[in-house]
Amino acid sequence: MKEMKRILCLAAALLLLLGFAPRARAEEESAESFEGKTWEELVQELMDEYKIREDQVAMGYLNTVTGETHYVRGDTYMVTASMYKVPINMVFTERISKGEMDWDTVISGLTYEQILEKTIIDSDNDAAEKLWLKLGGYQKYREIICPYMGVDPETVDKMYWVNNYFTAEQMIHCLSMLQAEPERFPRLEETMRRAEPNRFFLYHEQPVEIAHKFGYVPDKSGTYFNDCAICYTDEPICIVLFTVGGGMKVESFLADFCTLMCDWAQYTAERDRKAQEEQIAAAAMAVTGGEETQEERVPYVSETLPPQSEEAGRLVDQTVIAPSQGQLVLGGVIVVLALAALITLIPAAHRGKLSFGWGFFAVLALTAALLLCVAAPTLSEKLNRPEGDPRESVTGFFDALKAQDYEHAYGCLEGYSSLGLENEPEDAMARRVFEALRGSYSYILEGDCTVNGASGTQRVLLRHLDLGALHADLRYETEAVLTRKVQELSRAELYDENGAYRTEITTAAYEEAVETLAERAEDYMHVSPLELELHYSAAEGWQIVVSPALTAALSGTDGVGGGAAS
C-alpha cells in the first residue's frame, strides 16, 4: 500500500510538471520570438500568416499602465457591429452610479438589469434599441456617447454620424475609460467578462482573463467580425480589432491577435522590469566602485561597519604641516639682512656712535618679528592641529539620527542647530509617513576619511525611504481601496447627494492606503551615495558640512521617485 501511495504521488508530481512545462516553454519561446521586433512587425507577421490585407482591418492596442499605444488604421471608420453596446451601456450604468436610476428601472418592458445582460452577453439588438430610443433616438444617442469615445460633437468627422461606424482610436478611448473607472460604470466590466466564452477573442483559450464585447454582421459586401476587450495582463491592456472579409479562419485570427497582444504586454512588462533592474544594478556598481554587487559589498546596517585600519587610525596624527617654499625663501632673506645689519653695527659701535648692546638688541628684535610673521601661518596650523578621528563625527551623527537623538545629531553639524527632523507633522497620515522615513535610516562608511589639514572628506552610503516613489504609488493604492469599497458598501454609504464619494469614504481609503504602503516601506528603500565634507575647529572638533545632497537624502527626496524599490 505504501508503495502504491508513493507511485501515485510521483505520478501526480509528474503530471503537474508536464502541465506547467508547455506554458513555461511557450513563454520562453514568445520572449525569444519577440526579441528585437516591434509591435508593428509582429502584427504584420500574424496578418501575413492569415493572408489578411491591411485594408481589411483596423486595430488598436493600449497598455493602461505605461501608456504604450499602437494602431493600424486607427482613424479609419469601420462597421462597428455590436461593439457599440459598450458605450451605450456606459451611459446607463453611469446614471446608476449617480443615483439617477437603479437596476430595477423599467425601459420598454424590461428592467435595466435584464437589458444589460441581454445586450452584453446575448448581444440582443432589440434590447439595445430600447436603450437608444430611451435616449431620444439614434442620433441623440450618438451625441450623448461622444465623451466616452473621445470626440467633440462639434468637430468630429461627419462619418461618425453615418450608420454604425467607429474608429479603433474611439473604441480604445472608450475601453480605457471603462478600465480606469469601473466604479463609475458598475457591473459593466464584470458582465463583459462573462460574454461569449468560446468565440471571437475567446475562440482559443487565452492566457489571462478577458472582458470583451464582440460584433458580427453578415453582409453581401463582406462579413464583419469584430471584438474589443480589456485583457487583465500584469499591466492591463485595451485592444480592438475590426475585420471585413477575413475568410474562413477569421475567428482564429481574432483569437490569435488577442493572444499576441497579451503575450506582447507580458513581454514588454518583463523587458521593462529587467531594464529597471539593470539600471539599479548599474547604479549600485557605480556606488561600490564597480567591484561587486551592492548586495554583496554594501550591507545596509551601520552595525556592520568595516573595522578601521590601523593606518587610517594614525592618519590624523601622522599629518605633518610643513612651511611652504615661499616661506623658506623669505625667511632666508630675513636672516641674511639681519647678519648684514650686525656686520654694519659692530664698526659703528667701535667708533662710539652707537651703543653696541642696544643696537644688537634692536637687530635681534626686528629679526625675530620678521621671522614670526613668516612662520605665523605654520605655527597657527600646528597650534590648531586637528585632533581625533573625523569618522567618529560621521558615525556619531548617523547613529544619533537612528536613535532619534537630534540634539546630539545636530551637534555634529557645522552651523546647523536643526534640520527639522524633530518636528512632527500635525496631520496623522503625514506623521505616519514621516515616522517611517525617520525609522528607515541605515548607513555604512565606505573607505577611509581623506584629511587635508583642517578639512576632510568621507564617503557614506545612506539607505532611506524614497518618499517620491511612495507618493507615486499612494494614488493607485487609494484608488484600489476605493474600488474595493464600491464592491463592499451600498450606494448610500458611498456617495453623497451629488453623486460624489463621501468625504469620510475617501479619507478612510487614503488612510488605509498610507498604512498599507507604510507597512511595505522596505519596497521603497533607496541608497544615496554621499561625499561628506568635514571641517575641524579647536572649539567644536570635527563637524559635518551640511550639503543639499545630504538634506535631500535625509528628507527622502533624492530617490528615483518612480515607484518601486531601488
Protein backbone atom coordinates (compact mmCIF):
# COMPACT_ATOMS: atom_id res chain seq x y z
CA MET A 1 0.00 0.00 0.00
CA LYS A 2 2.81 2.40 0.90
CA GLU A 3 4.48 1.63 -2.39
CA MET A 4 1.23 2.34 -4.24
CA LYS A 5 0.89 5.72 -2.46
CA ARG A 6 4.45 6.59 -3.42
CA ILE A 7 3.75 5.72 -7.06
CA LEU A 8 0.58 7.85 -7.06
CA CYS A 9 2.41 10.82 -5.54
CA LEU A 10 5.16 10.56 -8.14
CA ALA A 11 2.58 10.33 -10.90
CA ALA A 12 0.78 13.41 -9.62
CA ALA A 13 4.04 15.35 -9.45
CA LEU A 14 4.90 14.26 -12.99
CA LEU A 15 1.50 15.40 -14.26
CA LEU A 16 2.00 18.79 -12.63
CA LEU A 17 5.39 19.15 -14.23
CA LEU A 18 4.01 18.16 -17.60
CA GLY A 19 1.17 20.62 -17.17
CA PHE A 20 3.45 23.57 -16.42
CA ALA A 21 6.24 22.72 -18.83
CA PRO A 22 4.42 23.63 -22.07
CA ARG A 23 3.40 27.01 -20.68
CA ALA A 24 6.94 27.75 -19.48
CA ARG A 25 8.30 26.73 -22.87
CA ALA A 26 5.65 28.81 -24.63
CA GLU A 27 6.51 31.90 -22.57
CA GLU A 28 10.18 31.36 -23.26
CA GLU A 29 9.53 30.89 -26.98
CA SER A 30 7.35 34.04 -27.04
CA ALA A 31 10.10 36.10 -25.44
CA GLU A 32 12.60 34.77 -27.99
CA SER A 33 10.26 35.42 -30.92
CA PHE A 34 9.63 39.00 -29.74
CA GLU A 35 13.27 39.86 -29.17
CA GLY A 36 14.36 42.71 -31.42
CA LYS A 37 10.93 43.10 -33.06
CA THR A 38 8.44 45.93 -32.93
CA TRP A 39 4.70 45.62 -32.26
CA GLU A 40 4.02 46.53 -35.88
CA GLU A 41 6.33 43.81 -37.17
CA LEU A 42 4.66 41.15 -35.02
CA VAL A 43 1.19 42.20 -36.14
CA GLN A 44 2.28 42.15 -39.78
CA GLU A 45 3.65 38.62 -39.35
CA LEU A 46 0.27 37.50 -37.99
CA MET A 47 -1.58 39.16 -40.87
CA ASP A 48 0.76 37.54 -43.38
CA GLU A 49 0.15 34.15 -41.78
CA TYR A 50 -3.62 34.54 -42.29
CA LYS A 51 -3.25 36.32 -45.64
CA ILE A 52 -5.08 39.36 -44.26
CA ARG A 53 -4.55 42.65 -46.08
CA GLU A 54 -4.18 45.93 -44.21
CA ASP A 55 -7.29 47.37 -45.87
CA GLN A 56 -9.32 44.54 -44.28
CA VAL A 57 -8.56 45.54 -40.71
CA ALA A 58 -8.35 48.35 -38.19
CA MET A 59 -6.83 47.64 -34.81
CA GLY A 60 -5.59 49.28 -31.63
CA TYR A 61 -3.57 48.50 -28.51
CA LEU A 62 -3.14 50.45 -25.26
CA ASN A 63 -1.15 49.50 -22.17
CA THR A 64 -3.13 51.23 -19.42
CA VAL A 65 -0.11 51.36 -17.09
CA THR A 66 2.69 52.57 -19.34
CA GLY A 67 0.57 54.32 -21.97
CA GLU A 68 2.21 52.34 -24.80
CA THR A 69 -0.15 52.74 -27.78
CA HIS A 70 -0.23 51.24 -31.28
CA TYR A 71 -2.69 51.41 -34.15
CA VAL A 72 -3.19 50.03 -37.62
CA ARG A 73 -5.53 52.37 -39.50
CA GLY A 74 -6.56 53.75 -36.13
CA ASP A 75 -8.51 56.72 -37.51
CA THR A 76 -10.34 54.77 -40.22
CA TYR A 77 -14.11 54.41 -39.72
CA MET A 78 -15.27 50.78 -39.78
CA VAL A 79 -18.59 48.98 -39.33
CA THR A 80 -18.73 48.54 -35.56
CA ALA A 81 -21.42 45.86 -35.30
CA SER A 82 -22.41 45.12 -31.69
CA MET A 83 -19.36 46.70 -30.08
CA TYR A 84 -21.45 49.89 -29.81
CA LYS A 85 -23.26 48.20 -26.93
CA VAL A 86 -20.33 49.02 -24.66
CA PRO A 87 -20.61 52.84 -24.79
CA ILE A 88 -24.44 52.82 -24.78
CA ASN A 89 -24.40 50.77 -21.56
CA MET A 90 -21.81 53.15 -20.12
CA VAL A 91 -24.47 55.88 -20.32
CA PHE A 92 -26.94 53.91 -18.22
CA THR A 93 -24.52 52.36 -15.73
CA GLU A 94 -23.13 55.83 -15.04
CA ARG A 95 -26.65 57.05 -14.35
CA ILE A 96 -26.97 54.24 -11.81
CA SER A 97 -23.70 55.27 -10.13
CA LYS A 98 -25.06 58.82 -9.89
CA GLY A 99 -28.36 57.66 -8.42
CA GLU A 100 -30.40 58.87 -11.39
CA MET A 101 -31.85 55.37 -11.90
CA ASP A 102 -31.43 51.89 -10.46
CA TRP A 103 -31.18 48.32 -11.70
CA ASP A 104 -34.95 47.84 -11.45
CA THR A 105 -35.74 50.85 -13.65
CA VAL A 106 -38.04 49.60 -16.42
CA ILE A 107 -37.23 50.53 -20.02
CA SER A 108 -39.82 49.41 -22.59
CA GLY A 109 -40.98 46.45 -20.52
CA LEU A 110 -37.56 45.25 -19.27
CA THR A 111 -35.58 46.21 -16.21
CA TYR A 112 -32.24 47.74 -16.98
CA GLU A 113 -30.56 44.81 -15.21
CA GLN A 114 -32.15 42.50 -17.78
CA ILE A 115 -31.19 44.77 -20.66
CA LEU A 116 -27.53 44.86 -19.56
CA GLU A 117 -27.37 41.07 -19.60
CA LYS A 118 -29.16 40.79 -22.94
CA THR A 119 -27.09 43.45 -24.75
CA ILE A 120 -23.65 42.41 -23.49
CA ILE A 121 -23.92 38.63 -23.08
CA ASP A 122 -26.61 37.77 -25.66
CA SER A 123 -25.86 40.79 -27.91
CA ASP A 124 -29.63 41.33 -28.28
CA ASN A 125 -30.25 44.10 -30.80
CA ASP A 126 -33.88 44.64 -29.77
CA ALA A 127 -32.80 45.26 -26.18
CA ALA A 128 -30.13 47.68 -27.36
CA GLU A 129 -32.69 49.53 -29.47
CA LYS A 130 -34.73 50.13 -26.30
CA LEU A 131 -31.70 51.94 -24.86
CA TRP A 132 -31.07 54.33 -27.72
CA LEU A 133 -34.73 55.06 -28.12
CA LYS A 134 -34.82 55.88 -24.40
CA LEU A 135 -32.04 58.41 -25.05
CA GLY A 136 -34.06 60.18 -27.73
CA GLY A 137 -33.23 58.29 -30.90
CA TYR A 138 -30.16 57.06 -32.72
CA GLN A 139 -28.60 60.45 -33.48
CA LYS A 140 -29.18 61.66 -29.94
CA TYR A 141 -27.56 58.51 -28.55
CA ARG A 142 -24.50 59.09 -30.75
CA GLU A 143 -24.25 62.62 -29.44
CA ILE A 144 -24.56 61.54 -25.79
CA ILE A 145 -21.74 58.97 -26.04
CA CYS A 146 -19.25 61.42 -27.60
CA PRO A 147 -17.35 61.90 -24.29
CA TYR A 148 -16.89 58.14 -23.98
CA MET A 149 -15.48 57.94 -27.50
CA GLY A 150 -13.12 60.90 -27.01
CA VAL A 151 -14.68 63.12 -29.67
CA ASP A 152 -16.27 66.57 -29.78
CA PRO A 153 -19.72 66.51 -31.45
CA GLU A 154 -18.99 69.95 -32.92
CA THR A 155 -15.79 68.94 -34.71
CA VAL A 156 -15.97 65.16 -35.18
CA ASP A 157 -15.75 63.78 -38.71
CA LYS A 158 -19.13 63.50 -40.45
CA MET A 159 -18.59 59.73 -40.81
CA TYR A 160 -19.22 59.48 -37.07
CA TRP A 161 -22.90 60.22 -37.71
CA VAL A 162 -23.25 57.71 -40.55
CA ASN A 163 -24.94 54.44 -39.58
CA ASN A 164 -22.91 52.39 -37.06
CA TYR A 165 -19.30 53.45 -37.60
CA PHE A 166 -16.47 53.92 -35.10
CA THR A 167 -12.68 54.03 -35.35
CA ALA A 168 -10.16 51.90 -33.46
CA GLU A 169 -8.98 55.02 -31.64
CA GLN A 170 -12.52 55.77 -30.44
CA MET A 171 -13.06 52.23 -29.17
CA ILE A 172 -9.73 52.23 -27.31
CA HIS A 173 -10.67 55.53 -25.66
CA CYS A 174 -13.98 54.02 -24.59
CA LEU A 175 -12.37 50.87 -23.13
CA SER A 176 -9.62 52.79 -21.34
CA MET A 177 -12.23 54.97 -19.60
CA LEU A 178 -14.13 51.86 -18.51
CA GLN A 179 -10.97 50.17 -17.25
CA ALA A 180 -9.77 53.25 -15.37
CA GLU A 181 -13.11 53.99 -13.64
CA PRO A 182 -15.06 50.74 -13.18
CA GLU A 183 -16.94 52.18 -10.17
CA ARG A 184 -18.31 54.88 -12.47
CA PHE A 185 -19.85 52.15 -14.68
CA PRO A 186 -20.91 49.45 -12.18
CA ARG A 187 -21.27 45.83 -13.36
CA LEU A 188 -20.45 46.60 -16.98
CA GLU A 189 -16.88 45.33 -16.95
CA GLU A 190 -17.90 42.30 -14.87
CA THR A 191 -20.68 41.46 -17.33
CA MET A 192 -18.25 41.70 -20.25
CA ARG A 193 -16.10 39.05 -18.54
CA ARG A 194 -18.99 36.61 -18.93
CA ALA A 195 -19.71 37.41 -22.58
CA GLU A 196 -19.34 34.71 -25.29
CA PRO A 197 -16.66 32.49 -23.69
CA ASN A 198 -15.88 30.43 -26.82
CA ARG A 199 -15.91 32.78 -29.78
CA PHE A 200 -14.12 35.84 -31.24
CA PHE A 201 -11.18 36.78 -28.98
CA LEU A 202 -12.01 33.72 -26.86
CA TYR A 203 -12.22 31.31 -29.80
CA HIS A 204 -8.99 29.88 -28.37
CA GLU A 205 -8.21 29.73 -24.67
CA GLN A 206 -6.38 32.87 -23.58
CA PRO A 207 -3.53 33.14 -21.02
CA VAL A 208 -5.35 35.79 -18.95
CA GLU A 209 -8.91 36.80 -18.10
CA ILE A 210 -10.70 38.82 -20.79
CA ALA A 211 -13.65 41.22 -20.62
CA HIS A 212 -14.86 41.66 -24.20
CA LYS A 213 -17.71 42.71 -26.47
CA PHE A 214 -17.84 41.14 -29.89
CA GLY A 215 -19.66 42.19 -33.05
CA TYR A 216 -20.76 40.26 -36.14
CA VAL A 217 -22.55 41.48 -39.25
CA PRO A 218 -23.04 39.28 -42.35
CA ASP A 219 -23.23 41.48 -45.43
CA LYS A 220 -23.06 40.95 -49.17
CA SER A 221 -20.11 43.33 -49.33
CA GLY A 222 -18.24 41.29 -46.74
CA THR A 223 -18.70 39.72 -43.33
CA TYR A 224 -17.65 41.86 -40.38
CA PHE A 225 -16.06 40.12 -37.40
CA ASN A 226 -15.03 42.49 -34.62
CA ASP A 227 -14.08 42.34 -30.97
CA CYS A 228 -12.85 44.74 -28.31
CA ALA A 229 -11.55 43.81 -24.88
CA ILE A 230 -9.84 44.66 -21.63
CA CYS A 231 -7.20 41.99 -21.03
CA TYR A 232 -6.03 41.53 -17.45
CA THR A 233 -2.32 41.03 -18.03
CA ASP A 234 0.14 42.15 -15.35
CA GLU A 235 -0.28 45.60 -16.87
CA PRO A 236 -3.90 45.60 -18.15
CA ILE A 237 -4.33 46.36 -21.84
CA CYS A 238 -7.21 47.53 -24.05
CA ILE A 239 -7.40 46.07 -27.56
CA VAL A 240 -9.76 46.27 -30.52
CA LEU A 241 -9.83 44.55 -33.90
CA PHE A 242 -12.18 45.30 -36.82
CA THR A 243 -12.13 42.86 -39.74
CA VAL A 244 -14.02 42.62 -43.01
CA GLY A 245 -13.89 39.69 -45.42
CA GLY A 246 -11.33 37.78 -43.38
CA GLY A 247 -12.21 34.37 -44.75
CA MET A 248 -13.00 31.08 -43.08
CA LYS A 249 -10.34 31.38 -40.36
CA VAL A 250 -11.22 34.90 -39.25
CA GLU A 251 -12.24 33.86 -35.71
CA SER A 252 -8.95 32.07 -35.29
CA PHE A 253 -7.23 35.26 -36.48
CA LEU A 254 -9.10 37.30 -33.86
CA ALA A 255 -8.17 34.86 -31.11
CA ASP A 256 -4.52 34.75 -32.19
CA PHE A 257 -4.45 38.55 -32.29
CA CYS A 258 -5.73 38.63 -28.70
CA THR A 259 -3.13 36.09 -27.59
CA LEU A 260 -0.39 38.02 -29.36
CA MET A 261 -1.41 41.26 -27.63
CA CYS A 262 -1.47 39.57 -24.20
CA ASP A 263 1.92 37.97 -24.81
CA TRP A 264 3.33 41.29 -26.01
CA ALA A 265 2.06 43.02 -22.86
CA GLN A 266 3.69 40.39 -20.64
CA TYR A 267 6.90 40.51 -22.68
CA THR A 268 7.22 44.30 -22.50
CA ALA A 269 6.43 44.31 -18.77
CA GLU A 270 9.18 41.74 -18.16
CA ARG A 271 11.55 43.57 -20.51
CA ASP A 272 10.97 46.87 -18.71
CA ARG A 273 11.37 45.17 -15.32
CA LYS A 274 14.72 43.70 -16.35
CA ALA A 275 15.82 47.05 -17.76
CA GLN A 276 14.96 48.70 -14.46
CA GLU A 277 16.88 46.02 -12.54
CA GLU A 278 19.88 46.56 -14.81
CA GLN A 279 19.73 50.32 -14.19
CA ILE A 280 19.60 49.72 -10.45
CA ALA A 281 22.46 47.23 -10.70
CA ALA A 282 24.48 49.74 -12.74
CA ALA A 283 23.82 52.41 -10.13
CA ALA A 284 24.89 50.00 -7.41
CA MET A 285 28.09 49.18 -9.32
CA ALA A 286 28.80 52.90 -9.62
CA VAL A 287 28.25 53.33 -5.89
CA THR A 288 30.53 50.45 -4.98
CA GLY A 289 33.25 51.31 -7.47
CA GLY A 290 32.29 48.57 -9.91
CA GLU A 291 33.91 45.80 -7.88
CA GLU A 292 30.94 43.79 -6.59
CA THR A 293 27.17 43.99 -6.46
CA GLN A 294 25.61 46.35 -3.98
CA GLU A 295 24.05 43.47 -2.05
CA GLU A 296 27.38 41.68 -1.72
CA ARG A 297 29.53 44.67 -0.90
CA VAL A 298 27.29 47.09 0.96
CA PRO A 299 25.40 45.71 3.96
CA TYR A 300 22.63 48.13 4.86
CA VAL A 301 23.20 48.35 8.62
CA SER A 302 25.59 50.57 10.49
CA GLU A 303 26.49 47.73 12.85
CA THR A 304 28.42 46.06 10.02
CA LEU A 305 30.85 48.94 9.57
CA PRO A 306 34.23 47.64 8.41
CA PRO A 307 36.91 47.86 11.09
CA GLN A 308 39.04 50.94 10.72
CA SER A 309 42.55 50.11 9.61
CA GLU A 310 45.48 50.90 11.85
CA GLU A 311 46.90 53.17 9.15
CA ALA A 312 43.61 55.10 8.96
CA GLY A 313 43.59 55.48 12.76
CA ARG A 314 47.01 57.10 12.60
CA LEU A 315 46.12 59.27 9.60
CA VAL A 316 45.47 62.49 11.50
CA ASP A 317 48.35 62.04 13.96
CA GLN A 318 50.82 61.47 11.13
CA THR A 319 49.80 64.63 9.27
CA VAL A 320 52.84 66.97 9.10
CA ILE A 321 52.20 70.59 8.22
CA ALA A 322 55.40 71.89 6.55
CA PRO A 323 56.16 75.53 5.64
CA SER A 324 55.81 76.45 2.01
CA GLN A 325 58.75 77.07 -0.33
CA GLY A 326 57.96 80.84 -0.39
CA GLN A 327 58.07 80.97 3.39
CA LEU A 328 61.51 79.32 3.44
CA VAL A 329 62.91 81.75 0.85
CA LEU A 330 61.56 84.81 2.71
CA GLY A 331 62.96 83.52 5.99
CA GLY A 332 66.39 83.09 4.41
CA VAL A 333 66.35 86.67 3.10
CA ILE A 334 65.49 87.97 6.59
CA VAL A 335 68.43 86.05 8.14
CA VAL A 336 70.85 87.46 5.54
CA LEU A 337 69.66 91.01 6.17
CA ALA A 338 69.98 90.52 9.91
CA LEU A 339 73.61 89.37 9.51
CA ALA A 340 74.34 92.35 7.27
CA ALA A 341 72.86 94.66 9.90
CA LEU A 342 75.06 93.13 12.61
CA ILE A 343 78.20 93.50 10.44
CA THR A 344 77.35 97.18 9.93
CA LEU A 345 76.58 97.67 13.61
CA ILE A 346 79.93 96.47 15.01
CA PRO A 347 82.19 99.23 13.39
CA ALA A 348 79.67 101.92 14.34
CA ALA A 349 79.77 100.77 17.94
CA HIS A 350 83.63 100.87 17.99
CA ARG A 351 83.60 104.48 16.80
CA GLY A 352 81.35 105.34 19.75
CA LYS A 353 78.48 106.43 17.59
CA LEU A 354 76.13 103.62 18.73
CA SER A 355 75.73 101.58 21.87
CA PHE A 356 76.53 98.04 20.79
CA GLY A 357 74.19 96.42 23.31
CA TRP A 358 71.11 98.41 22.37
CA GLY A 359 71.86 98.12 18.68
CA PHE A 360 72.34 94.37 18.89
CA PHE A 361 69.08 94.02 20.81
CA ALA A 362 67.23 96.08 18.18
CA VAL A 363 68.51 93.91 15.33
CA LEU A 364 67.54 90.72 17.15
CA ALA A 365 64.05 92.04 17.95
CA LEU A 366 63.46 93.10 14.36
CA THR A 367 64.71 89.77 13.03
CA ALA A 368 62.51 87.83 15.44
CA ALA A 369 59.47 89.89 14.50
CA LEU A 370 60.06 89.33 10.79
CA LEU A 371 60.61 85.61 11.26
CA LEU A 372 57.46 85.37 13.36
CA CYS A 373 55.46 86.95 10.51
CA VAL A 374 56.84 84.36 8.10
CA ALA A 375 56.20 81.42 10.41
CA ALA A 376 52.83 82.58 11.75
CA PRO A 377 50.61 80.53 9.37
CA THR A 378 52.60 77.38 10.01
CA LEU A 379 52.65 77.94 13.77
CA SER A 380 48.89 78.64 13.73
CA GLU A 381 48.19 75.39 11.94
CA LYS A 382 50.47 73.49 14.30
CA LEU A 383 48.78 75.02 17.33
CA ASN A 384 45.32 74.27 15.84
CA ARG A 385 46.30 70.80 14.65
CA PRO A 386 43.20 68.54 14.20
CA GLU A 387 42.69 66.00 16.92
CA GLY A 388 40.50 62.91 16.87
CA ASP A 389 39.09 60.82 14.05
CA PRO A 390 36.62 62.61 11.72
CA ARG A 391 34.93 59.25 11.09
CA GLU A 392 33.72 59.31 14.69
CA SER A 393 31.79 62.51 14.00
CA VAL A 394 30.16 60.89 10.97
CA THR A 395 29.16 57.72 12.81
CA GLY A 396 28.05 59.81 15.77
CA PHE A 397 25.75 61.85 13.54
CA PHE A 398 24.08 58.90 11.83
CA ASP A 399 23.84 56.80 14.98
CA ALA A 400 22.13 59.72 16.71
CA LEU A 401 19.73 60.03 13.74
CA LYS A 402 18.82 56.35 14.01
CA ALA A 403 18.24 56.77 17.75
CA GLN A 404 16.28 59.99 17.03
CA ASP A 405 18.61 61.86 19.39
CA TYR A 406 18.51 65.04 17.34
CA GLU A 407 20.31 67.26 19.85
CA HIS A 408 23.37 65.03 19.61
CA ALA A 409 22.98 64.67 15.83
CA TYR A 410 22.82 68.40 15.18
CA GLY A 411 25.86 68.91 17.39
CA CYS A 412 27.84 67.04 14.74
CA LEU A 413 26.90 69.61 12.07
CA GLU A 414 28.72 72.84 11.27
CA GLY A 415 26.46 75.87 11.60
CA TYR A 416 23.16 73.91 11.85
CA SER A 417 21.13 73.65 15.01
CA SER A 418 18.20 71.89 13.27
CA LEU A 419 17.20 70.06 10.09
CA GLY A 420 13.53 69.86 11.05
CA LEU A 421 13.57 66.11 11.66
CA GLU A 422 12.48 66.62 15.24
CA ASN A 423 9.28 68.43 14.18
CA GLU A 424 6.36 66.06 13.61
CA PRO A 425 3.55 66.99 11.18
CA GLU A 426 0.13 67.70 12.68
CA ASP A 427 -1.71 65.53 10.13
CA ALA A 428 -1.87 61.93 11.36
CA MET A 429 -1.19 60.35 7.96
CA ALA A 430 1.69 62.70 7.17
CA ARG A 431 3.06 61.86 10.61
CA ARG A 432 2.79 58.14 9.81
CA VAL A 433 4.88 58.55 6.66
CA PHE A 434 7.33 60.84 8.47
CA GLU A 435 7.83 58.22 11.17
CA ALA A 436 8.53 55.62 8.50
CA LEU A 437 11.15 57.92 6.96
CA ARG A 438 12.89 58.63 10.29
CA GLY A 439 12.92 54.96 11.12
CA SER A 440 14.38 53.93 7.76
CA TYR A 441 17.93 55.32 8.08
CA SER A 442 20.88 52.93 7.93
CA TYR A 443 24.34 53.60 6.61
CA ILE A 444 27.86 52.43 6.01
CA LEU A 445 31.13 54.34 5.73
CA GLU A 446 32.95 53.48 2.54
CA GLY A 447 36.72 53.71 2.71
CA ASP A 448 38.88 55.90 4.95
CA CYS A 449 38.43 59.59 5.58
CA THR A 450 40.66 61.77 3.42
CA VAL A 451 42.17 64.55 5.55
CA ASN A 452 43.86 67.70 4.27
CA GLY A 453 44.78 69.98 7.12
CA ALA A 454 41.61 71.07 8.90
CA SER A 455 39.32 69.60 6.20
CA GLY A 456 38.26 66.05 5.50
CA THR A 457 36.05 64.04 3.13
CA GLN A 458 34.20 60.84 3.98
CA ARG A 459 32.13 58.73 1.58
CA VAL A 460 28.88 57.38 3.06
CA LEU A 461 26.15 55.13 1.63
CA LEU A 462 22.87 56.16 3.25
CA ARG A 463 19.82 53.90 2.87
CA HIS A 464 16.47 55.60 3.40
CA LEU A 465 12.82 55.64 2.40
CA ASP A 466 12.15 57.07 -1.08
CA LEU A 467 9.15 59.31 -0.46
CA GLY A 468 8.86 60.19 -4.15
CA ALA A 469 8.27 56.56 -5.12
CA LEU A 470 5.93 56.01 -2.18
CA HIS A 471 3.81 59.06 -3.00
CA ALA A 472 3.62 57.99 -6.66
CA ASP A 473 2.08 54.66 -5.62
CA LEU A 474 -0.17 56.21 -2.98
CA ARG A 475 -2.67 57.41 -5.58
CA TYR A 476 -3.03 53.97 -7.15
CA GLU A 477 -3.31 52.26 -3.76
CA THR A 478 -6.04 54.72 -2.74
CA GLU A 479 -7.93 54.00 -5.97
CA ALA A 480 -7.63 50.27 -5.30
CA VAL A 481 -9.09 50.71 -1.82
CA LEU A 482 -11.96 52.78 -3.24
CA THR A 483 -12.66 50.09 -5.84
CA ARG A 484 -12.91 47.51 -3.09
CA LYS A 485 -15.23 49.74 -1.05
CA VAL A 486 -17.51 50.14 -4.07
CA GLN A 487 -17.95 46.38 -4.07
CA GLU A 488 -18.43 46.14 -0.30
CA LEU A 489 -20.63 49.14 0.56
CA SER A 490 -24.07 50.28 -0.51
CA ARG A 491 -24.57 53.31 -2.69
CA ALA A 492 -25.95 55.32 0.23
CA GLU A 493 -22.81 54.59 2.22
CA LEU A 494 -20.52 55.53 -0.67
CA TYR A 495 -21.97 58.63 -2.31
CA ASP A 496 -23.42 61.95 -1.19
CA GLU A 497 -26.48 63.66 -2.67
CA ASN A 498 -24.37 64.96 -5.58
CA GLY A 499 -23.16 61.51 -6.59
CA ALA A 500 -19.61 62.17 -5.33
CA TYR A 501 -17.75 59.99 -2.85
CA ARG A 502 -18.48 60.89 0.74
CA THR A 503 -15.56 62.67 2.40
CA GLU A 504 -15.31 60.04 5.11
CA ILE A 505 -15.04 57.32 2.46
CA THR A 506 -12.18 58.99 0.56
CA THR A 507 -10.43 59.86 3.83
CA ALA A 508 -10.70 56.28 5.05
CA ALA A 509 -9.42 54.98 1.71
CA TYR A 510 -6.46 57.36 1.82
CA GLU A 511 -5.62 56.40 5.39
CA GLU A 512 -5.80 52.70 4.59
CA ALA A 513 -3.56 53.21 1.55
CA VAL A 514 -0.99 55.10 3.65
CA GLU A 515 -0.95 52.32 6.25
CA THR A 516 -0.57 49.66 3.56
CA LEU A 517 2.38 51.39 1.90
CA ALA A 518 3.98 52.27 5.24
CA GLU A 519 3.92 48.60 6.16
CA ARG A 520 5.65 47.87 2.85
CA ALA A 521 8.29 50.54 3.42
CA GLU A 522 11.02 48.04 2.59
CA ASP A 523 9.80 48.08 -1.03
CA TYR A 524 10.55 51.81 -1.26
CA MET A 525 14.13 51.94 0.02
CA HIS A 526 16.80 53.88 -1.85
CA VAL A 527 20.59 54.08 -1.40
CA SER A 528 22.18 57.54 -1.68
CA PRO A 529 25.97 57.82 -2.10
CA LEU A 530 27.16 60.92 -0.21
CA GLU A 531 30.53 62.70 -0.19
CA LEU A 532 30.50 64.39 3.21
CA GLU A 533 32.86 67.31 3.80
CA LEU A 534 34.11 67.90 7.36
CA HIS A 535 35.79 70.91 8.98
CA TYR A 536 37.85 70.98 12.17
CA SER A 537 37.96 73.70 14.81
CA ALA A 538 39.63 73.63 18.23
CA ALA A 539 36.35 74.61 19.90
CA GLU A 540 33.98 72.11 18.20
CA GLY A 541 36.26 69.40 16.81
CA TRP A 542 35.30 67.69 13.56
CA GLN A 543 31.89 68.74 12.19
CA ILE A 544 29.96 67.77 9.03
CA VAL A 545 29.30 70.47 6.44
CA VAL A 546 25.60 70.27 5.53
CA SER A 547 25.10 69.92 1.74
CA PRO A 548 21.98 69.83 -0.47
CA ALA A 549 22.69 66.15 -1.21
CA LEU A 550 22.63 65.31 2.49
CA THR A 551 19.40 67.21 3.20
CA ALA A 552 17.71 65.67 0.13
CA ALA A 553 18.66 62.16 1.25
CA LEU A 554 17.50 62.76 4.83
CA SER A 555 14.17 64.11 3.56
CA GLY A 556 13.71 61.09 1.26
CA THR A 557 13.51 63.19 -1.89
CA ASP A 558 16.61 62.20 -3.85
CA GLY A 559 15.40 58.76 -4.98
CA VAL A 560 14.18 57.84 -8.48
CA GLY A 561 10.59 58.52 -7.40
CA GLY A 562 9.28 56.07 -9.90
CA GLY A 563 7.54 53.55 -7.97
CA ALA A 564 9.09 50.51 -6.58
CA ALA A 565 12.18 49.66 -4.72
CA SER A 566 15.51 50.94 -5.97
